[in-house]
Structure formats: structure tokens, C-alpha cells
N, C-alpha and C. Protein backbone atom coordinates (compact mmCIF):
# COMPACT_ATOMS: atom_id res chain seq x y z
N UNK A 1 138.85 122.81 165.44
CA UNK A 1 137.74 123.28 164.76
C UNK A 1 137.39 123.88 163.58
N UNK A 2 138.29 124.68 163.88
CA UNK A 2 138.29 125.34 162.15
C UNK A 2 138.25 123.90 160.84
N UNK A 3 139.57 122.91 160.95
CA UNK A 3 138.99 121.86 159.58
C UNK A 3 137.93 121.12 159.81
N UNK A 4 136.89 121.19 160.77
CA UNK A 4 135.92 120.93 160.93
C UNK A 4 134.71 120.82 160.19
N UNK A 5 135.01 122.52 160.32
CA UNK A 5 133.90 123.67 159.57
C UNK A 5 134.24 123.12 158.92
N UNK A 6 135.29 123.19 157.89
CA UNK A 6 135.80 123.46 156.46
C UNK A 6 135.22 122.04 155.47
N UNK A 7 135.85 120.79 156.82
CA UNK A 7 135.06 119.54 156.31
C UNK A 7 133.52 119.32 155.81
N UNK A 8 132.76 119.99 157.04
CA UNK A 8 131.60 120.43 156.87
C UNK A 8 131.05 120.82 155.66
N UNK A 9 131.80 121.83 155.45
CA UNK A 9 131.39 123.03 154.25
C UNK A 9 131.40 121.72 152.71
N UNK A 10 132.75 121.39 152.78
CA UNK A 10 132.89 121.21 151.75
C UNK A 10 131.71 119.61 150.96
N UNK A 11 131.79 119.10 152.35
CA UNK A 11 130.70 117.79 152.05
C UNK A 11 129.34 118.77 151.79
N UNK A 12 128.57 119.19 152.15
CA UNK A 12 127.39 120.76 152.10
C UNK A 12 128.39 120.41 150.89
N UNK A 13 128.76 121.22 150.38
CA UNK A 13 129.28 121.41 149.41
C UNK A 13 128.90 120.92 147.69
N UNK A 14 129.98 119.22 147.98
CA UNK A 14 129.67 117.99 147.45
C UNK A 14 128.08 117.07 147.65
N UNK A 15 127.69 117.51 148.86
CA UNK A 15 125.66 116.89 148.49
C UNK A 15 124.89 117.74 148.62
N UNK A 16 125.15 118.38 147.93
CA UNK A 16 124.16 119.23 147.48
C UNK A 16 123.61 119.17 145.84
N UNK A 17 124.47 119.38 145.32
CA UNK A 17 124.29 118.98 144.06
C UNK A 17 123.75 118.18 143.70
N UNK A 18 124.39 116.93 144.20
CA UNK A 18 123.51 115.24 144.20
C UNK A 18 122.27 115.27 144.68
N UNK A 19 121.93 115.75 145.68
CA UNK A 19 120.45 116.08 145.84
C UNK A 19 120.04 116.64 144.19
N UNK A 20 120.36 117.54 143.87
CA UNK A 20 119.94 118.40 143.33
C UNK A 20 119.55 117.28 141.86
N UNK A 21 120.86 116.22 141.64
CA UNK A 21 120.85 116.11 140.12
C UNK A 21 119.40 114.81 140.45
N UNK A 22 120.08 114.39 141.80
CA UNK A 22 118.92 113.32 142.16
C UNK A 22 117.00 113.42 141.99
N UNK A 23 116.91 114.78 142.58
CA UNK A 23 115.57 115.37 142.11
C UNK A 23 115.26 115.47 141.40
N UNK A 24 116.26 116.11 140.23
CA UNK A 24 116.17 116.41 138.15
C UNK A 24 115.69 115.02 137.43
N UNK A 25 116.68 114.23 137.88
CA UNK A 25 116.32 112.95 137.47
C UNK A 25 115.01 112.47 137.44
N UNK A 26 114.83 112.18 139.22
CA UNK A 26 113.11 111.87 139.19
C UNK A 26 111.89 112.06 138.40
N UNK A 27 112.23 113.85 138.80
CA UNK A 27 110.88 114.60 137.88
C UNK A 27 111.07 114.15 136.19
N UNK A 28 111.94 114.24 135.69
CA UNK A 28 112.81 114.15 134.23
C UNK A 28 111.95 112.80 133.52
N UNK A 29 112.09 110.98 134.82
CA UNK A 29 111.27 110.38 134.51
C UNK A 29 109.82 110.45 134.19
N UNK A 30 109.30 110.89 135.30
CA UNK A 30 107.61 111.30 135.69
C UNK A 30 107.92 112.30 133.92
N UNK A 31 108.08 112.76 133.96
CA UNK A 31 107.30 113.91 132.62
C UNK A 31 107.93 112.99 131.58
N UNK A 32 109.06 111.82 130.82
CA UNK A 32 108.78 111.50 130.08
C UNK A 32 107.68 110.29 129.89
N UNK A 33 107.85 109.82 131.25
CA UNK A 33 106.42 109.15 130.83
C UNK A 33 104.97 109.72 130.54
N UNK A 34 105.07 110.63 131.06
CA UNK A 34 103.02 111.10 130.72
C UNK A 34 103.60 111.46 129.63
N UNK A 35 104.69 111.82 128.40
CA UNK A 35 104.72 112.30 127.63
C UNK A 35 104.97 111.21 126.45
N UNK A 36 105.16 109.96 127.28
CA UNK A 36 105.16 109.15 126.57
C UNK A 36 103.84 108.71 125.96
N UNK A 37 102.61 108.85 127.35
CA UNK A 37 101.47 108.54 126.92
C UNK A 37 100.96 108.72 126.20
N UNK A 38 101.23 110.65 126.47
CA UNK A 38 99.91 111.38 125.35
C UNK A 38 100.82 110.57 124.26
N UNK A 39 102.27 111.11 123.73
CA UNK A 39 102.85 110.25 122.21
C UNK A 39 101.85 108.88 121.35
N UNK A 40 101.26 108.20 122.88
CA UNK A 40 101.07 107.02 121.57
C UNK A 40 99.71 107.03 121.72
N UNK A 41 99.07 107.87 122.49
CA UNK A 41 97.99 108.28 122.47
C UNK A 41 97.84 109.08 121.16
N UNK A 42 98.59 110.03 120.96
CA UNK A 42 98.00 110.93 119.68
C UNK A 42 98.92 109.97 118.15
N UNK A 43 99.68 109.51 118.95
CA UNK A 43 99.89 108.30 117.54
C UNK A 43 98.79 107.51 116.89
N UNK A 44 97.64 106.92 118.31
CA UNK A 44 96.92 106.18 117.51
C UNK A 44 95.54 107.68 116.33
N UNK A 45 95.24 108.53 117.44
CA UNK A 45 94.79 109.66 116.56
C UNK A 45 95.20 109.34 114.97
N UNK A 46 96.80 109.72 115.29
CA UNK A 46 96.40 110.07 113.67
C UNK A 46 96.50 109.56 112.69
N UNK A 47 95.84 109.16 112.80
CA UNK A 47 95.78 107.77 111.25
C UNK A 47 93.79 108.18 110.99
N UNK A 48 93.42 108.80 111.57
CA UNK A 48 92.10 109.65 111.12
C UNK A 48 91.73 110.81 109.97
N UNK A 49 90.90 109.82 109.51
CA UNK A 49 90.74 110.85 108.23
C UNK A 49 90.53 110.49 106.99
N UNK A 50 90.35 111.02 105.74
CA UNK A 50 90.94 110.36 105.20
C UNK A 50 92.00 110.00 104.60
N UNK A 51 91.55 108.46 104.59
CA UNK A 51 93.06 107.37 104.89
C UNK A 51 93.96 106.97 103.22
N UNK A 52 92.63 107.40 102.76
CA UNK A 52 92.75 107.26 100.83
C UNK A 52 91.81 107.94 100.77
N UNK A 53 90.96 107.48 98.85
CA UNK A 53 89.89 108.84 98.65
C UNK A 53 88.64 107.74 98.26
N UNK A 54 89.21 107.03 99.37
CA UNK A 54 88.18 105.80 98.99
C UNK A 54 87.48 105.30 101.03
N UNK A 55 88.26 105.74 101.93
CA UNK A 55 88.14 105.65 103.18
C UNK A 55 88.18 106.60 103.48
N UNK A 56 87.15 106.93 104.75
CA UNK A 56 87.17 107.60 105.74
C UNK A 56 87.73 107.13 107.31
N UNK A 57 87.91 106.98 107.99
CA UNK A 57 88.87 106.23 109.20
C UNK A 57 88.22 107.12 111.09
N UNK A 58 87.82 107.31 112.34
CA UNK A 58 87.51 107.50 113.36
C UNK A 58 88.62 106.23 113.95
N UNK A 59 89.03 106.87 114.80
CA UNK A 59 89.43 105.80 115.57
C UNK A 59 88.30 105.70 117.24
N UNK A 60 88.80 105.39 117.76
CA UNK A 60 87.74 104.79 119.31
C UNK A 60 88.12 103.69 120.20
N UNK A 61 88.43 105.04 121.38
CA UNK A 61 89.46 104.55 122.27
C UNK A 61 88.51 104.03 123.44
N UNK A 62 88.93 101.93 124.36
CA UNK A 62 87.97 102.21 124.80
C UNK A 62 89.21 101.63 126.46
N UNK A 63 89.10 101.95 127.23
CA UNK A 63 89.67 102.13 128.43
C UNK A 63 88.92 100.08 128.11
N UNK A 64 89.78 99.30 128.83
CA UNK A 64 90.32 98.37 129.05
C UNK A 64 89.59 97.17 130.24
N UNK A 65 89.63 98.90 131.37
CA UNK A 65 88.94 97.93 132.83
C UNK A 65 87.36 98.19 133.32
N UNK A 66 87.17 99.22 131.54
CA UNK A 66 85.80 99.65 131.29
C UNK A 66 84.67 98.43 130.72
N UNK A 67 83.58 97.52 130.91
CA UNK A 67 83.01 96.44 130.33
C UNK A 67 82.55 97.85 128.34
N UNK A 68 82.70 97.77 127.40
CA UNK A 68 82.07 98.45 126.37
C UNK A 68 81.60 96.62 125.72
N UNK A 69 79.94 96.91 125.33
CA UNK A 69 80.14 95.60 123.81
C UNK A 69 80.69 96.40 121.93
N UNK A 70 80.59 95.76 121.57
CA UNK A 70 80.64 96.01 120.34
C UNK A 70 79.94 96.75 119.20
N UNK A 71 78.58 96.87 120.32
CA UNK A 71 77.61 97.35 119.27
C UNK A 71 77.50 98.90 119.91
N UNK A 72 78.36 98.94 121.19
CA UNK A 72 78.25 100.63 121.78
C UNK A 72 79.19 101.21 121.07
N UNK A 73 80.70 100.48 120.87
CA UNK A 73 81.98 100.82 120.23
C UNK A 73 81.42 101.53 118.84
N UNK A 74 80.58 100.51 117.59
CA UNK A 74 80.02 100.56 116.78
C UNK A 74 78.65 102.03 116.47
N UNK A 75 78.33 102.25 117.66
CA UNK A 75 78.00 103.45 117.84
C UNK A 75 78.16 104.91 118.13
N UNK A 76 79.79 104.12 118.20
CA UNK A 76 79.93 105.68 119.17
C UNK A 76 81.21 105.60 117.60
N UNK A 77 81.88 105.27 117.29
CA UNK A 77 82.31 105.21 115.97
C UNK A 77 81.48 106.39 114.90
N UNK A 78 80.31 105.16 114.73
CA UNK A 78 79.32 106.39 113.67
C UNK A 78 78.92 107.83 114.40
N UNK A 79 78.71 107.79 116.15
CA UNK A 79 78.60 109.56 116.07
C UNK A 79 79.95 110.13 116.22
N UNK A 80 80.83 109.45 116.42
CA UNK A 80 82.17 110.56 115.76
C UNK A 80 82.56 110.30 114.18
N UNK A 81 82.15 110.22 113.42
CA UNK A 81 82.35 109.59 112.06
C UNK A 81 81.42 110.79 111.28
N UNK A 82 80.20 110.72 111.72
CA UNK A 82 79.21 111.99 111.10
C UNK A 82 79.84 113.28 111.85
N UNK A 83 80.15 113.65 112.93
CA UNK A 83 80.52 114.71 113.33
C UNK A 83 81.80 115.02 112.73
N UNK A 84 82.66 114.39 112.89
CA UNK A 84 84.00 114.68 111.89
C UNK A 84 84.24 114.95 110.39
N UNK A 85 82.84 114.17 109.45
CA UNK A 85 82.83 114.43 108.31
C UNK A 85 81.70 115.71 108.63
N UNK A 86 80.59 116.07 109.00
CA UNK A 86 80.37 117.12 108.90
C UNK A 86 81.39 118.72 109.52
N UNK A 87 81.71 118.29 110.36
CA UNK A 87 83.19 119.09 110.35
C UNK A 87 83.94 119.40 109.03
N UNK A 88 84.16 118.44 108.16
CA UNK A 88 84.88 118.21 107.19
C UNK A 88 84.64 119.19 106.05
N UNK A 89 82.96 119.24 105.64
CA UNK A 89 82.30 119.42 105.41
C UNK A 89 82.53 121.32 105.32
N UNK A 90 81.60 121.20 106.73
CA UNK A 90 81.93 122.73 106.55
C UNK A 90 82.62 123.99 106.58
N UNK A 91 84.11 122.73 106.66
CA UNK A 91 85.18 123.24 106.66
C UNK A 91 85.74 123.78 104.70
N UNK A 92 84.57 122.79 104.33
CA UNK A 92 85.12 123.03 102.83
C UNK A 92 84.18 124.18 102.31
N UNK A 93 83.54 124.99 103.20
CA UNK A 93 82.09 125.63 102.51
C UNK A 93 81.18 125.31 102.17
N UNK A 94 80.87 123.92 102.01
CA UNK A 94 79.96 123.40 102.20
C UNK A 94 78.92 123.30 103.21
N UNK A 95 77.63 124.16 102.23
CA UNK A 95 76.52 124.32 102.34
C UNK A 95 76.08 123.06 103.52
N UNK A 96 75.75 122.87 104.66
CA UNK A 96 74.93 121.51 105.32
C UNK A 96 74.00 121.08 105.68
N UNK A 97 73.09 121.24 105.01
CA UNK A 97 71.38 121.04 104.78
C UNK A 97 71.24 119.36 104.89
N UNK A 98 69.93 119.90 105.30
CA UNK A 98 68.60 119.10 104.65
C UNK A 98 69.40 117.39 104.43
N UNK A 99 69.52 117.77 103.09
CA UNK A 99 70.71 116.43 102.09
C UNK A 99 71.32 115.74 102.43
N UNK A 100 72.68 116.60 102.71
CA UNK A 100 73.65 116.71 103.25
C UNK A 100 73.12 115.61 104.61
N UNK A 101 72.79 115.69 105.51
CA UNK A 101 72.33 115.33 106.36
C UNK A 101 72.18 114.07 105.89
N UNK A 102 71.05 113.70 105.23
CA UNK A 102 70.33 112.24 104.46
C UNK A 102 72.16 111.68 104.07
N UNK A 103 72.37 112.04 103.11
CA UNK A 103 74.02 111.46 102.38
C UNK A 103 74.56 110.79 103.78
N UNK A 104 74.84 111.39 104.89
CA UNK A 104 76.04 111.20 105.79
C UNK A 104 75.14 110.12 106.41
N UNK A 105 74.32 110.64 106.67
CA UNK A 105 73.78 109.70 107.84
C UNK A 105 73.72 108.24 106.50
N UNK A 106 73.34 108.08 105.64
CA UNK A 106 73.19 106.60 104.79
C UNK A 106 74.21 106.61 104.37
N UNK A 107 75.29 107.16 104.30
CA UNK A 107 76.64 106.17 103.89
C UNK A 107 77.43 106.00 104.89
N UNK A 108 77.05 106.79 106.33
CA UNK A 108 77.76 105.99 106.98
C UNK A 108 77.20 104.54 107.96
N UNK A 109 75.53 104.57 107.87
CA UNK A 109 75.14 103.47 108.40
C UNK A 109 75.47 102.05 106.60
N UNK A 110 75.12 102.60 105.90
CA UNK A 110 76.16 101.58 104.58
C UNK A 110 76.86 100.96 104.81
N UNK A 111 78.48 101.80 104.73
CA UNK A 111 79.57 101.56 104.04
C UNK A 111 80.85 101.57 105.66
N UNK A 112 80.25 101.63 106.78
CA UNK A 112 80.80 102.09 108.31
C UNK A 112 80.98 100.47 108.56
N UNK A 113 82.83 100.35 108.79
CA UNK A 113 83.06 98.51 109.47
C UNK A 113 82.76 99.05 110.87
N UNK A 114 83.21 98.71 111.57
CA UNK A 114 84.45 98.16 112.77
C UNK A 114 85.22 97.18 112.84
N UNK A 115 86.86 97.35 113.42
CA UNK A 115 87.74 96.67 113.55
C UNK A 115 88.73 97.27 114.23
N UNK A 116 88.88 95.75 115.64
CA UNK A 116 89.44 95.98 116.28
C UNK A 116 91.58 96.02 116.23
N UNK A 117 91.77 96.42 116.21
CA UNK A 117 93.34 97.15 116.01
C UNK A 117 94.17 96.72 117.57
N UNK A 118 95.10 96.84 117.41
CA UNK A 118 95.76 96.83 118.29
C UNK A 118 96.46 97.66 118.84
N UNK A 119 96.34 98.04 120.89
CA UNK A 119 96.93 99.47 120.80
C UNK A 119 98.18 99.37 121.20
N UNK A 120 98.76 100.57 121.42
CA UNK A 120 99.92 101.03 121.49
C UNK A 120 100.09 100.66 123.30
N UNK A 121 98.88 100.49 124.03
CA UNK A 121 98.55 100.20 126.01
C UNK A 121 98.10 99.31 125.84
N UNK A 122 98.58 98.26 127.09
CA UNK A 122 97.58 97.46 127.27
C UNK A 122 96.88 98.04 128.50
N UNK A 123 96.50 99.26 128.19
CA UNK A 123 95.21 99.96 128.80
C UNK A 123 94.38 100.24 128.45
N UNK A 124 93.88 99.65 127.50
CA UNK A 124 93.00 100.48 126.87
C UNK A 124 93.17 99.50 124.89
N UNK A 125 91.80 99.47 124.54
CA UNK A 125 91.82 98.90 123.18
C UNK A 125 91.60 100.01 122.18
N UNK A 126 91.77 99.49 121.13
CA UNK A 126 91.25 100.28 120.46
C UNK A 126 90.71 100.43 118.82
N UNK A 127 89.77 100.75 118.17
CA UNK A 127 88.70 100.19 117.50
C UNK A 127 89.24 101.54 116.35
N UNK A 128 88.82 100.91 114.77
CA UNK A 128 88.63 101.68 113.71
C UNK A 128 87.19 101.27 113.25
N UNK A 129 86.61 103.02 112.91
CA UNK A 129 85.71 102.57 112.69
C UNK A 129 85.72 103.46 111.00
N UNK A 130 85.95 102.58 110.17
CA UNK A 130 86.33 102.52 108.60
C UNK A 130 84.92 103.15 107.73
N UNK A 131 84.25 104.02 107.53
CA UNK A 131 83.85 104.62 106.24
C UNK A 131 83.96 104.26 104.77
N UNK A 132 83.68 103.25 104.24
CA UNK A 132 84.51 102.29 103.01
C UNK A 132 84.11 102.57 101.58
N UNK A 133 84.01 103.48 100.67
CA UNK A 133 83.34 103.22 98.66
C UNK A 133 84.14 104.30 98.56
N UNK A 134 83.81 103.31 97.16
CA UNK A 134 84.63 103.77 96.18
C UNK A 134 84.19 105.26 95.40
N UNK A 135 85.03 106.40 95.83
CA UNK A 135 85.55 107.82 94.37
C UNK A 135 84.64 108.77 96.73
N UNK A 136 84.86 107.77 97.52
CA UNK A 136 83.82 108.28 98.28
C UNK A 136 84.51 110.57 99.19
N UNK A 137 85.69 110.95 98.71
CA UNK A 137 86.51 112.14 99.20
C UNK A 137 85.81 112.72 97.77
N UNK A 138 85.47 112.69 96.69
CA UNK A 138 85.66 113.43 95.93
C UNK A 138 84.00 113.26 96.45
N UNK A 139 82.70 112.65 96.12
CA UNK A 139 81.03 112.31 96.72
C UNK A 139 80.99 113.35 97.41
N UNK A 140 82.01 113.55 98.99
CA UNK A 140 82.16 114.29 99.86
C UNK A 140 82.56 115.65 99.27
N UNK A 141 83.63 116.01 98.66
CA UNK A 141 84.19 116.92 98.39
C UNK A 141 82.62 118.41 97.31
N UNK A 142 82.24 116.50 95.88
CA UNK A 142 81.20 117.94 95.84
C UNK A 142 80.09 118.17 96.40
N UNK A 143 79.21 117.41 96.56
CA UNK A 143 78.01 118.02 98.12
C UNK A 143 78.28 119.73 97.70
N UNK A 144 76.89 119.53 97.36
CA UNK A 144 76.37 121.22 97.52
C UNK A 144 76.59 122.21 96.44
N UNK A 145 77.41 121.47 95.23
CA UNK A 145 77.34 121.55 94.33
C UNK A 145 76.59 121.68 92.84
């Protein structure tokens, strides 16, 4: 009887760490998969803002299961570009007035283009809305001066 108790004790002592190891591995994979999805999305959004002195870019992500037409994606890109540039202008301590507002609307509508890009995930589509104009960053930085 004593040997059986010791045997069961040793089996339990060996079995418990195995269970802990097994559950910790499972949790790690779930966390890693979630982290990977977030990193992929962050990677796509890392390409936003002034790409160079002539191009400002926003990224529009569309879930692949939702029906989107190119016109609505372009409108979404224009809206995001407007908001992003407005925040950029305000962060530079430039007074945002009707003149600046009109400049943004005109520049976005005249020089903005939509391009579909490859996404790092098959569950979504990635679009770039680029505003390309010679000296764009200098022009925006000089607003209100």
C-alpha cells in the first residue's frame, strides 16, 4: 500500500508539470497569433503620412467579406487624408481658417489618387490614397505664414 501511494505521488508530480507546460504552450500560440495580426496591421499603417516631400499617404483597410466599390473607398481615403492633414497642420501651430480649409479640399480632390495594394492578410484589402504634388510638404508647412 505504501509503494502504491508513493507511485501515485510521483506520477502526479510528473503529470502536473506536463499539464502546465501544455496549457502554457496553447496560450502562447493564441497570444502570438493575435500579436501577429496586430503587427501586420501596424505594418500597413506605418506607411502613412508624408512619404516624401511631394507625397502624403493614408491607408484604407477594407474587410474582404464586405462589398465596397472603388468610389466609396476613394471617398473614405479623401476623408482620412483631410482629417490627417488637418491634425498635421494644427500640430504645427498653423492657424486653421477658411483659406486653409479650402486649400486642403482643393489639393485633396485635384491631386489625390487611389491605388490598391497587396495586403499582408487575405481577410482584407489595402488601398493607398496618395496626394502627390510637387513641393506639397513645403506648401503645407508654409500655410498661415
